[in-house]
C-alpha cells in the first residue's frame, strides 16, 4: 500500500470512529421529555447576559409600509448604529439582469430622516424615507444604506389598478414568544399566500412596548413576511405607563412604535402616530388605535375621522383594522366605548371586514342587523398566549376557538371576497365569501367544506397556574 492510500484508509477509520462515537454520544445524551417537570418558557430565547440585537453598521429592522396611495409609493424604516447619520435609499425598476443600471440608468436616491433612540441594546439611529412618484403595478428593486455598507436589494410591487386580484394576510396578536412559537406562523402564512402584497397585524406585536430584545425577536420572527408591505395596528402592549404609580401616570405610545413604522401620517387629530388609512387595489384600509379610543379619550375624534375616511371612499371594498374588539369574545371584557362611538360608523358605511385582536381567541359574527351580511367582525390570535372564551361568545359567534395559533388569507377578485382562516399547521378553521350580488347587495356565503371542528382548551390551567388562561 502506498503512502497516500494508507493515509486515506487511516482517515476513513478515524472518521468512521468519530462519526460512530458522535452517534452514540448523541443517543446517550438525549433524555426523554418529562411532562411532569415542564416549566414555563421565557418570553424571549436570549439567555441572560447575551446581547444579540445591538445596532451595527449594517442596516437591520428594515420594513416597508404602504403610502396613502399604494399605487404611487411606499415608506421604509430601518435601524443602524450612530455612525450613520444621513443614509440613502436607492430604488430602480426591477430588471431581469443584475445590471439594472444598464437598463434603467442610475437608481434614484432619496435621503432619509434620522433620529436617535436609546433602548435596551444601546443608542441607535432610526431612519425613515417616503418614496413617491412610482408607477402603479410595477415591480421595483430597492436597498437602504448603512455605514460603508448597503442592505441586500429587495423587491416589491406597487398596487395595480382597482379590480386587479388582491391577496393579503391578516394576523392577530403575535406578542409572546415571537421567536420560539410565532415564527412558524409566518412561515406557514407565506406557504399559503405566496402572492400576498400586504400583511395586516392587529396589534400587540410585542409584550413590552420598550423591550428592545422583544422587538429584535419580532423582526426575526416576521422576516419570512418581509417581501410584503406591513400594515400594523397599535395594541395596548405598544403603550407603556409613564410615571407609573404616581398621580401623573398615563399611557404613552412606546418610541419603538413610531421609530420602526413610517406610517402615512393621515390619522385622526391627536392620534396621527397610530391611526391611518391607505388605498390598495380597490380596497380602502383604515387602521384605528383602540387603546387611545378606550383609555385616552380619543374615541370621538377617531369616530369623526373614520366617518370622513369612509364617506370619501371611492373604492369598492372597505376594511377596518383595530386591536380591541367591538364584540369581545373573552370573558370579563366589554369595550363599550367602541360600540358607542365607532360601531355606528362601521355599520353606517357597511364596512366589509372589521379585523381585530386583543382577546387571544378566535371568534366571528355579523353586526347588529341580522339582515345584513356586513360588517363581519373577526377576532383572531397568531401568538402563543391563549385565553378562554366567554359563554356569551359561544352563543353569539361562530365559529369560535381556543388554544389555537391562526393566520388568515384574504383574497379579493372582482365581486368576491374570499376569507380563509388556517391553523398554524395549515388546517382550515373558518371560511366564507362575501359576494356583491347586484340588487341583493353584499351576501354572505359560508364555506364549511374542509373545516376542522372548533377547538377548545384542554388544560385546566397554564404552566404558571393561571386558570383564566389556556396558555402563556
Protein backbone atom coordinates (compact mmCIF):
# COMPACT_ATOMS: atom_id res chain seq x y z
CA UNK A 1 0.00 0.00 0.00
CA UNK A 2 1.44 3.38 -0.97
CA UNK A 3 1.59 6.33 1.41
CA UNK A 4 -1.49 8.15 0.08
CA UNK A 5 -3.64 5.02 0.19
CA UNK A 6 -2.52 4.33 3.75
CA UNK A 7 -3.37 7.87 4.77
CA UNK A 8 -6.81 7.58 3.11
CA UNK A 9 -7.54 4.36 4.99
CA UNK A 10 -6.39 5.93 8.24
CA UNK A 11 -8.67 8.97 7.76
CA UNK A 12 -11.63 6.75 6.89
CA UNK A 13 -11.01 4.68 10.02
CA UNK A 14 -10.63 7.73 12.22
CA UNK A 15 -13.59 9.50 10.58
CA UNK A 16 -15.81 6.42 10.89
CA UNK A 17 -14.83 6.05 14.52
CA UNK A 18 -15.51 9.70 15.25
CA UNK A 19 -18.86 9.53 13.45
CA UNK A 20 -19.86 6.38 15.32
CA UNK A 21 -18.74 7.91 18.62
CA UNK A 22 -20.77 11.03 17.86
CA UNK A 23 -23.86 8.95 17.11
CA UNK A 24 -23.50 7.05 20.39
CA UNK A 25 -22.84 10.29 22.26
CA UNK A 26 -25.91 11.96 20.79
CA UNK A 27 -28.03 8.91 21.57
CA UNK A 28 -26.74 8.76 25.11
CA UNK A 29 -27.26 12.48 25.79
CA UNK A 30 -30.85 12.78 24.55
CA UNK A 31 -33.15 12.26 27.55
CA UNK A 32 -36.88 11.83 27.12
CA UNK A 33 -39.02 14.90 27.85
CA UNK A 34 -40.76 14.66 31.19
CA UNK A 35 -44.16 16.35 31.18
CA UNK A 36 -44.22 16.48 34.98
CA UNK A 37 -41.15 18.72 35.12
CA UNK A 38 -42.13 21.22 32.42
CA UNK A 39 -41.69 24.85 33.30
CA UNK A 40 -42.96 27.98 31.64
CA UNK A 41 -40.79 29.07 28.71
CA UNK A 42 -39.29 32.59 28.92
CA UNK A 43 -40.71 35.22 26.61
CA UNK A 44 -37.51 35.57 24.57
CA UNK A 45 -34.95 32.97 23.54
CA UNK A 46 -31.99 35.09 24.63
CA UNK A 47 -30.01 33.67 27.58
CA UNK A 48 -29.34 36.11 30.41
CA UNK A 49 -26.43 38.41 29.66
CA UNK A 50 -26.42 37.78 25.91
CA UNK A 51 -26.68 40.84 23.66
CA UNK A 52 -27.74 39.87 20.16
CA UNK A 53 -29.66 42.90 18.95
CA UNK A 54 -27.18 45.74 19.36
CA UNK A 55 -27.28 48.20 16.44
CA UNK A 56 -24.41 47.84 13.98
CA UNK A 57 -23.07 49.49 10.80
CA UNK A 58 -25.29 47.14 8.80
CA UNK A 59 -28.93 48.13 8.26
CA UNK A 60 -31.44 45.96 10.13
CA UNK A 61 -35.14 46.01 11.10
CA UNK A 62 -35.90 47.02 7.52
CA UNK A 63 -39.62 47.30 6.90
CA UNK A 64 -41.69 48.71 4.04
CA UNK A 65 -45.14 50.19 4.69
CA UNK A 66 -47.86 51.40 2.32
CA UNK A 67 -48.28 55.05 1.42
CA UNK A 68 -51.73 56.62 1.36
CA UNK A 69 -51.87 55.82 -2.37
CA UNK A 70 -50.35 52.36 -2.60
CA UNK A 71 -50.12 52.61 -6.37
CA UNK A 72 -47.70 55.53 -6.24
CA UNK A 73 -45.41 54.94 -3.29
CA UNK A 74 -44.44 53.36 0.00
CA UNK A 75 -42.27 54.18 3.01
CA UNK A 76 -39.29 52.40 4.55
CA UNK A 77 -37.86 52.34 8.08
CA UNK A 78 -34.57 50.81 9.23
CA UNK A 79 -32.00 50.96 12.02
CA UNK A 80 -28.21 51.30 12.29
CA UNK A 81 -25.62 52.39 14.80
CA UNK A 82 -24.94 56.06 15.39
CA UNK A 83 -22.19 56.29 12.76
CA UNK A 84 -24.94 56.50 10.13
CA UNK A 85 -26.46 59.98 10.10
CA UNK A 86 -27.95 60.75 6.67
CA UNK A 87 -28.30 57.46 4.80
CA UNK A 88 -29.82 56.94 1.38
CA UNK A 89 -32.44 54.69 -0.09
CA UNK A 90 -31.82 53.64 -3.70
CA UNK A 91 -34.65 52.47 -5.93
CA UNK A 92 -34.95 51.38 -9.54
CA UNK A 93 -37.45 49.48 -11.67
CA UNK A 94 -36.57 45.82 -11.24
CA UNK A 95 -34.62 44.19 -14.05
CA UNK A 96 -34.08 40.62 -15.21
CA UNK A 97 -30.39 41.45 -15.45
CA UNK A 98 -28.23 42.01 -12.37
CA UNK A 99 -27.13 45.19 -14.15
CA UNK A 100 -30.31 47.26 -13.70
CA UNK A 101 -28.19 50.38 -14.23
CA UNK A 102 -27.64 49.45 -17.88
CA UNK A 103 -31.38 49.02 -18.46
CA UNK A 104 -32.84 51.82 -16.35
CA UNK A 105 -29.94 54.16 -15.65
CA UNK A 106 -28.67 55.18 -12.24
CA UNK A 107 -31.02 54.30 -9.37
CA UNK A 108 -32.98 57.13 -7.82
CA UNK A 109 -31.56 58.19 -4.45
CA UNK A 110 -33.63 59.51 -1.55
CA UNK A 111 -32.20 60.92 1.68
CA UNK A 112 -33.73 59.54 4.89
CA UNK A 113 -34.61 61.42 8.03
CA UNK A 114 -32.84 60.16 11.17
CA UNK A 115 -33.44 60.27 14.90
CA UNK A 116 -31.76 58.72 17.93
CA UNK A 117 -33.34 56.17 20.23
CA UNK A 118 -31.71 54.89 23.40
CA UNK A 119 -33.09 51.41 24.12
CA UNK A 120 -32.02 48.26 25.91
CA UNK A 121 -29.42 47.41 23.28
CA UNK A 122 -27.79 50.83 23.27
CA UNK A 123 -28.09 54.03 21.29
CA UNK A 124 -29.33 53.55 17.72
CA UNK A 125 -30.17 55.69 14.74
CA UNK A 126 -33.54 55.03 13.16
CA UNK A 127 -34.08 56.14 9.58
CA UNK A 128 -37.25 56.72 7.57
CA UNK A 129 -37.92 57.71 4.00
CA UNK A 130 -41.05 58.10 1.91
CA UNK A 131 -40.89 57.02 -1.72
CA UNK A 132 -43.31 58.64 -4.15
CA UNK A 133 -43.77 59.16 -7.88
CA UNK A 134 -43.88 55.43 -8.71
CA UNK A 135 -45.90 53.71 -11.41
CA UNK A 136 -48.92 51.54 -10.50
CA UNK A 137 -48.47 47.79 -10.67
CA UNK A 138 -44.73 47.94 -11.30
CA UNK A 139 -42.04 45.87 -9.61
CA UNK A 140 -39.26 47.92 -8.01
CA UNK A 141 -35.90 46.95 -6.52
CA UNK A 142 -34.63 48.98 -3.58
CA UNK A 143 -32.00 48.96 -0.85
CA UNK A 144 -31.01 51.09 2.14
CA UNK A 145 -27.65 52.38 3.30
CA UNK A 146 -25.63 51.70 6.42
CA UNK A 147 -22.08 52.67 7.41
CA UNK A 148 -19.91 51.85 4.37
CA UNK A 149 -22.49 49.20 3.57
CA UNK A 150 -25.85 48.57 1.96
CA UNK A 151 -28.67 46.18 2.66
CA UNK A 152 -29.40 43.47 0.10
CA UNK A 153 -31.67 44.57 -2.74
CA UNK A 154 -35.34 43.90 -2.05
CA UNK A 155 -38.28 43.94 -4.43
CA UNK A 156 -41.90 44.97 -4.09
CA UNK A 157 -44.71 45.75 -6.48
CA UNK A 158 -46.86 48.86 -6.17
CA UNK A 159 -50.63 48.46 -6.13
CA UNK A 160 -52.17 47.76 -9.50
CA UNK A 161 -55.41 49.21 -10.86
CA UNK A 162 -58.62 48.66 -8.84
CA UNK A 163 -60.18 45.35 -9.81
CA UNK A 164 -56.83 43.57 -10.11
CA UNK A 165 -56.93 40.44 -7.88
CA UNK A 166 -55.55 41.14 -4.40
CA UNK A 167 -54.30 38.75 -1.74
CA UNK A 168 -53.21 39.72 1.77
CA UNK A 169 -52.57 38.17 5.18
CA UNK A 170 -54.20 39.17 8.48
CA UNK A 171 -52.63 38.21 11.82
CA UNK A 172 -54.00 38.64 15.32
CA UNK A 173 -51.70 39.32 18.28
CA UNK A 174 -48.18 37.93 17.97
CA UNK A 175 -47.00 39.39 21.32
CA UNK A 176 -45.45 36.49 23.26
CA UNK A 177 -42.62 34.07 22.45
CA UNK A 178 -42.32 35.53 18.98
CA UNK A 179 -39.07 33.79 18.09
CA UNK A 180 -39.93 30.47 19.71
CA UNK A 181 -43.53 29.95 18.60
CA UNK A 182 -44.51 32.90 16.40
CA UNK A 183 -42.03 32.27 13.61
CA UNK A 184 -43.84 29.17 12.41
CA UNK A 185 -47.00 31.20 11.80
CA UNK A 186 -45.07 33.48 9.45
CA UNK A 187 -43.58 30.58 7.51
CA UNK A 188 -46.95 28.87 7.14
CA UNK A 189 -48.67 32.09 6.06
CA UNK A 190 -46.11 32.56 3.30
CA UNK A 191 -46.65 28.96 2.16
CA UNK A 192 -50.40 29.52 1.84
CA UNK A 193 -50.20 33.07 0.46
CA UNK A 194 -47.04 33.32 -1.66
CA UNK A 195 -48.53 36.12 -3.78
CA UNK A 196 -49.74 38.30 -0.91
CA UNK A 197 -48.95 42.02 -1.23
CA UNK A 198 -49.73 43.06 2.36
CA UNK A 199 -49.73 41.68 5.89
CA UNK A 200 -52.03 43.30 8.48
CA UNK A 201 -51.10 42.99 12.17
CA UNK A 202 -53.96 43.54 14.63
CA UNK A 203 -51.77 44.94 17.42
CA UNK A 204 -49.79 43.68 20.43
CA UNK A 205 -46.82 42.85 18.27
CA UNK A 206 -44.70 42.52 21.42
CA UNK A 207 -45.46 42.15 25.11
CA UNK A 208 -43.39 45.05 26.48
CA UNK A 209 -43.52 48.23 24.40
CA UNK A 210 -39.95 49.31 25.17
CA UNK A 211 -38.19 45.92 25.38
CA UNK A 212 -35.68 46.09 22.55
CA UNK A 213 -34.91 42.37 22.64
CA UNK A 214 -38.60 41.63 22.07
CA UNK A 215 -38.58 43.94 19.07
CA UNK A 216 -35.47 42.23 17.76
CA UNK A 217 -37.15 38.84 18.01
CA UNK A 218 -40.33 40.20 16.42
CA UNK A 219 -38.37 41.32 13.35
CA UNK A 220 -36.67 37.92 13.26
CA UNK A 221 -40.00 36.10 13.55
CA UNK A 222 -41.67 38.14 10.82
CA UNK A 223 -38.70 38.00 8.43
CA UNK A 224 -40.42 35.42 6.18
CA UNK A 225 -43.15 38.02 5.54
CA UNK A 226 -40.76 40.86 4.72
CA UNK A 227 -41.38 40.72 0.95
CA UNK A 228 -44.86 42.10 1.79
CA UNK A 229 -45.69 45.58 2.98
CA UNK A 230 -46.52 45.69 6.70
CA UNK A 231 -49.67 47.45 7.93
CA UNK A 232 -49.71 47.28 11.76
CA UNK A 233 -52.29 48.44 14.28
CA UNK A 234 -51.07 49.58 17.69
CA UNK A 235 -52.21 47.42 20.60
CA UNK A 236 -52.26 48.22 24.29
CA UNK A 237 -48.87 46.48 24.64
CA UNK A 238 -47.34 49.01 22.25
CA UNK A 239 -48.02 51.54 25.03
CA UNK A 240 -46.21 51.82 28.35
CA UNK A 241 -47.08 53.53 31.61
CA UNK A 242 -45.20 56.78 32.14
CA UNK A 243 -44.80 57.95 35.76
CA UNK A 244 -46.22 54.62 36.91
CA UNK A 245 -47.80 54.51 40.38
CA UNK A 246 -47.89 58.30 40.66
CA UNK A 247 -50.65 60.85 40.18
CA UNK A 248 -49.13 61.68 36.79
CA UNK A 249 -49.37 58.08 35.50
CA UNK A 250 -50.53 57.87 31.89
CA UNK A 251 -50.32 55.57 28.87
CA UNK A 252 -47.76 56.59 26.26
CA UNK A 253 -47.12 55.07 22.85
CA UNK A 254 -43.67 53.49 23.01
CA UNK A 255 -40.93 55.16 20.93
CA UNK A 256 -40.14 51.86 19.19
CA UNK A 257 -43.53 52.07 17.51
CA UNK A 258 -43.03 55.34 15.69
CA UNK A 259 -39.32 54.60 15.20
CA UNK A 260 -39.98 51.30 13.42
CA UNK A 261 -43.05 52.25 11.39
CA UNK A 262 -43.15 55.18 8.96
CA UNK A 263 -46.94 55.39 8.67
CA UNK A 264 -48.81 57.66 6.22
CA UNK A 265 -49.43 60.40 8.82
CA UNK A 266 -53.07 60.91 7.79
CA UNK A 267 -54.67 59.69 11.02
CA UNK A 268 -57.15 61.22 13.42
CA UNK A 269 -56.21 64.53 15.08
CA UNK A 270 -54.01 63.77 18.08
CA UNK A 271 -53.64 60.13 17.04
CA UNK A 272 -51.59 60.59 13.86
CA UNK A 273 -48.82 58.26 15.03
CA UNK A 274 -51.10 55.24 15.37
CA UNK A 275 -54.13 55.72 13.10
CA UNK A 276 -54.00 55.94 9.32
CA UNK A 277 -55.62 54.87 6.08
CA UNK A 278 -54.46 53.80 2.64
CA UNK A 279 -55.88 52.58 -0.65
CA UNK A 280 -54.71 49.39 -2.30
CA UNK A 281 -56.13 47.82 -5.45
CA UNK A 282 -59.79 48.67 -4.92
CA UNK A 283 -59.78 48.47 -1.11
CA UNK A 284 -59.72 51.28 1.43
CA UNK A 285 -57.95 50.13 4.58
CA UNK A 286 -58.45 52.20 7.75
CA UNK A 287 -56.45 51.49 10.94
CA UNK A 288 -57.85 52.65 14.29
CA UNK A 289 -55.98 52.98 17.60
CA UNK A 290 -58.26 51.20 20.07
CA UNK A 291 -56.10 51.94 23.11
CA UNK A 292 -56.26 55.69 22.54
CA UNK A 293 -60.00 55.34 21.97
CA UNK A 294 -60.63 53.39 25.17
CA UNK A 295 -58.04 54.81 27.57
CA UNK A 296 -57.03 58.26 26.31
CA UNK A 297 -60.34 59.85 25.33
CA UNK A 298 -59.74 59.64 21.57
CA UNK A 299 -62.86 57.63 20.64
CA UNK A 300 -64.94 60.64 19.47
CA UNK A 301 -62.10 62.10 17.38
CA UNK A 302 -61.33 58.78 15.75
CA UNK A 303 -65.02 58.16 15.05
CA UNK A 304 -65.31 61.53 13.27
CA UNK A 305 -62.10 60.84 11.35
CA UNK A 306 -63.19 57.34 10.35
CA UNK A 307 -66.58 58.64 9.26
CA UNK A 308 -64.86 61.05 6.86
CA UNK A 309 -62.38 58.42 5.61
CA UNK A 310 -65.23 56.04 4.77
CA UNK A 311 -67.57 58.71 3.42
CA UNK A 312 -64.96 59.79 0.88
CA UNK A 313 -64.17 56.22 -0.12
CA UNK A 314 -64.20 55.67 -3.90
CA UNK A 315 -63.03 52.07 -3.54
CA UNK A 316 -65.26 49.03 -3.97
CA UNK A 317 -64.33 47.43 -0.65
CA UNK A 318 -63.58 48.73 2.85
CA UNK A 319 -61.70 47.03 5.69
CA UNK A 320 -61.04 48.38 9.19
CA UNK A 321 -58.22 47.10 11.40
CA UNK A 322 -58.03 47.72 15.15
CA UNK A 323 -56.73 45.94 18.21
CA UNK A 324 -59.56 45.80 20.75
CA UNK A 325 -62.73 44.04 19.55
CA UNK A 326 -66.08 45.72 19.13
CA UNK A 327 -67.61 42.44 20.38
CA UNK A 328 -65.23 40.82 22.85
CA UNK A 329 -65.11 37.01 22.89
CA UNK A 330 -63.17 36.85 26.16
CA UNK A 331 -64.99 36.70 29.47
CA UNK A 332 -64.98 39.90 31.51
CA UNK A 333 -64.26 42.31 28.68
CA UNK A 334 -66.67 44.85 27.25
CA UNK A 335 -65.35 47.63 25.03
CA UNK A 336 -68.42 49.81 25.37
CA UNK A 337 -66.79 52.98 24.03
CA UNK A 338 -66.01 51.26 20.73
CA UNK A 339 -69.65 50.27 20.31
CA UNK A 340 -70.81 53.72 21.35
CA UNK A 341 -68.54 55.76 19.05
CA UNK A 342 -67.01 53.56 16.35
CA UNK A 343 -69.58 50.88 15.65
CA UNK A 344 -72.24 53.29 14.35
CA UNK A 345 -69.69 54.47 11.78
CA UNK A 346 -68.79 50.92 10.78
CA UNK A 347 -72.45 49.97 10.39
CA UNK A 348 -73.49 53.17 8.63
CA UNK A 349 -70.84 52.74 5.96
CA UNK A 350 -71.38 48.96 5.81
CA UNK A 351 -67.69 48.13 6.18
CA UNK A 352 -66.94 44.69 4.80
CA UNK A 353 -64.49 43.34 7.40
CA UNK A 354 -63.50 44.53 10.88
CA UNK A 355 -60.28 42.70 11.74
CA UNK A 356 -59.29 42.62 15.43
CA UNK A 357 -57.07 41.01 18.07
CA UNK A 358 -56.52 41.51 21.82
CA UNK A 359 -58.61 38.62 23.19
CA UNK A 360 -56.29 35.72 22.21
CA UNK A 361 -59.14 33.53 20.98
CA UNK A 362 -60.98 33.14 17.68
CA UNK A 363 -64.49 34.40 17.04
CA UNK A 364 -66.59 35.75 14.16
CA UNK A 365 -70.02 37.32 13.97
CA UNK A 366 -72.07 39.82 11.98
CA UNK A 367 -73.28 43.17 13.22
CA UNK A 368 -76.47 44.18 14.99
CA UNK A 369 -78.59 43.97 11.83
CA UNK A 370 -79.20 40.26 11.07
CA UNK A 371 -80.50 41.20 7.61
CA UNK A 372 -77.06 42.42 6.53
CA UNK A 373 -74.03 40.28 5.74
CA UNK A 374 -71.59 43.01 6.64
CA UNK A 375 -69.72 44.10 8.61
CA UNK A 376 -68.15 40.76 9.55
CA UNK A 377 -66.42 41.24 12.92
CA UNK A 378 -63.47 38.88 13.39
CA UNK A 379 -61.09 38.32 16.32
CA UNK A 380 -58.00 36.12 15.88
CA UNK A 381 -54.66 35.34 17.52
CA UNK A 382 -51.32 34.37 15.95
CA UNK A 383 -49.12 34.18 19.02
CA UNK A 384 -48.58 31.79 21.91
CA UNK A 385 -50.71 33.45 24.61
CA UNK A 386 -54.17 31.87 24.62
CA UNK A 387 -57.24 32.96 26.61
CA UNK A 388 -60.63 31.34 27.22
CA UNK A 389 -63.92 32.14 25.52
CA UNK A 390 -66.87 33.65 27.30
CA UNK A 391 -70.26 31.91 27.36
CA UNK A 392 -71.65 34.94 25.53
CA UNK A 393 -69.14 34.45 22.70
CA UNK A 394 -70.14 30.80 22.35
CA UNK A 395 -73.77 31.89 21.97
CA UNK A 396 -73.25 34.83 19.62
CA UNK A 397 -70.21 33.94 17.49
CA UNK A 398 -69.49 31.11 15.07
CA UNK A 399 -67.05 29.63 14.67
CA UNK A 400 -65.14 30.22 17.89
CA UNK A 401 -61.88 28.71 19.06
CA UNK A 402 -59.40 28.40 21.92
CA UNK A 403 -55.81 27.17 22.20
CA UNK A 404 -55.03 27.71 18.50
CA UNK A 405 -52.47 29.81 16.66
CA UNK A 406 -54.01 31.10 13.42
CA UNK A 407 -53.37 33.12 10.31
CA UNK A 408 -55.86 34.41 7.76
CA UNK A 409 -55.56 34.70 3.98
CA UNK A 410 -57.98 37.08 2.26
CA UNK A 411 -58.35 37.27 -1.50
CA UNK A 412 -60.44 39.76 -3.46
CA UNK A 413 -61.19 39.16 -7.11
CA UNK A 414 -63.95 41.02 -8.91
CA UNK A 415 -67.19 40.78 -6.93
CA UNK A 416 -65.95 38.14 -4.48
CA UNK A 417 -64.01 38.48 -1.22
CA UNK A 418 -62.75 35.10 -0.02
CA UNK A 419 -61.72 34.67 3.61
CA UNK A 420 -59.89 31.62 4.95
CA UNK A 421 -58.53 31.15 8.47
CA UNK A 422 -55.91 28.43 8.93
CA UNK A 423 -54.31 26.92 12.00
CA UNK A 424 -50.53 27.09 12.28
CA UNK A 425 -50.37 23.54 10.88
CA UNK A 426 -52.34 24.62 7.82
CA UNK A 427 -55.74 23.15 8.70
CA UNK A 428 -58.78 25.13 7.56
CA UNK A 429 -60.58 26.60 10.55
CA UNK A 430 -63.03 29.11 9.05
CA UNK A 431 -64.01 30.08 5.52
CA UNK A 432 -66.61 32.27 3.87
CA UNK A 433 -67.16 34.50 0.86
CA UNK A 434 -68.69 37.95 0.57
CA UNK A 435 -70.28 38.46 -2.83
CA UNK A 436 -71.54 41.63 -4.45
CA UNK A 437 -74.86 40.31 -5.79
CA UNK A 438 -76.29 43.26 -7.68
CA UNK A 439 -79.64 44.37 -6.27
CA UNK A 440 -79.20 41.99 -3.33
CA UNK A 441 -76.16 43.95 -2.20
CA UNK A 442 -73.47 42.01 -0.36
CA UNK A 443 -74.30 38.45 0.61
CA UNK A 444 -72.50 36.07 2.96
CA UNK A 445 -71.77 32.53 1.81
CA UNK A 446 -70.40 30.17 4.44
CA UNK A 447 -67.95 27.54 3.20
CA UNK A 448 -67.94 24.71 5.74
CA UNK A 449 -66.26 22.14 3.48
CA UNK A 450 -62.88 21.08 4.81
CA UNK A 451 -63.07 22.96 8.11
CA UNK A 452 -61.89 21.19 11.22
CA UNK A 453 -64.11 21.12 14.30
CA UNK A 454 -63.94 24.14 16.64
CA UNK A 455 -61.13 23.75 19.17
CA UNK A 456 -61.43 24.16 22.93
CA UNK A 457 -58.74 24.43 25.59
CA UNK A 458 -57.98 21.04 27.09
CA UNK A 459 -55.95 22.30 30.06
CA UNK A 460 -57.31 23.28 33.44
CA UNK A 461 -54.56 25.83 33.99
CA UNK A 462 -51.44 27.24 32.38
CA UNK A 463 -47.97 26.05 33.33
CA UNK A 464 -47.82 29.12 35.56
CA UNK A 465 -51.00 28.04 37.35
CA UNK A 466 -53.48 30.53 35.86
CA UNK A 467 -56.96 29.10 35.35
CA UNK A 468 -58.32 32.15 33.50
CA UNK A 469 -55.98 31.42 30.56
CA UNK A 470 -55.20 28.42 28.43
CA UNK A 471 -51.53 29.08 27.63
CA UNK A 472 -48.96 31.75 28.50
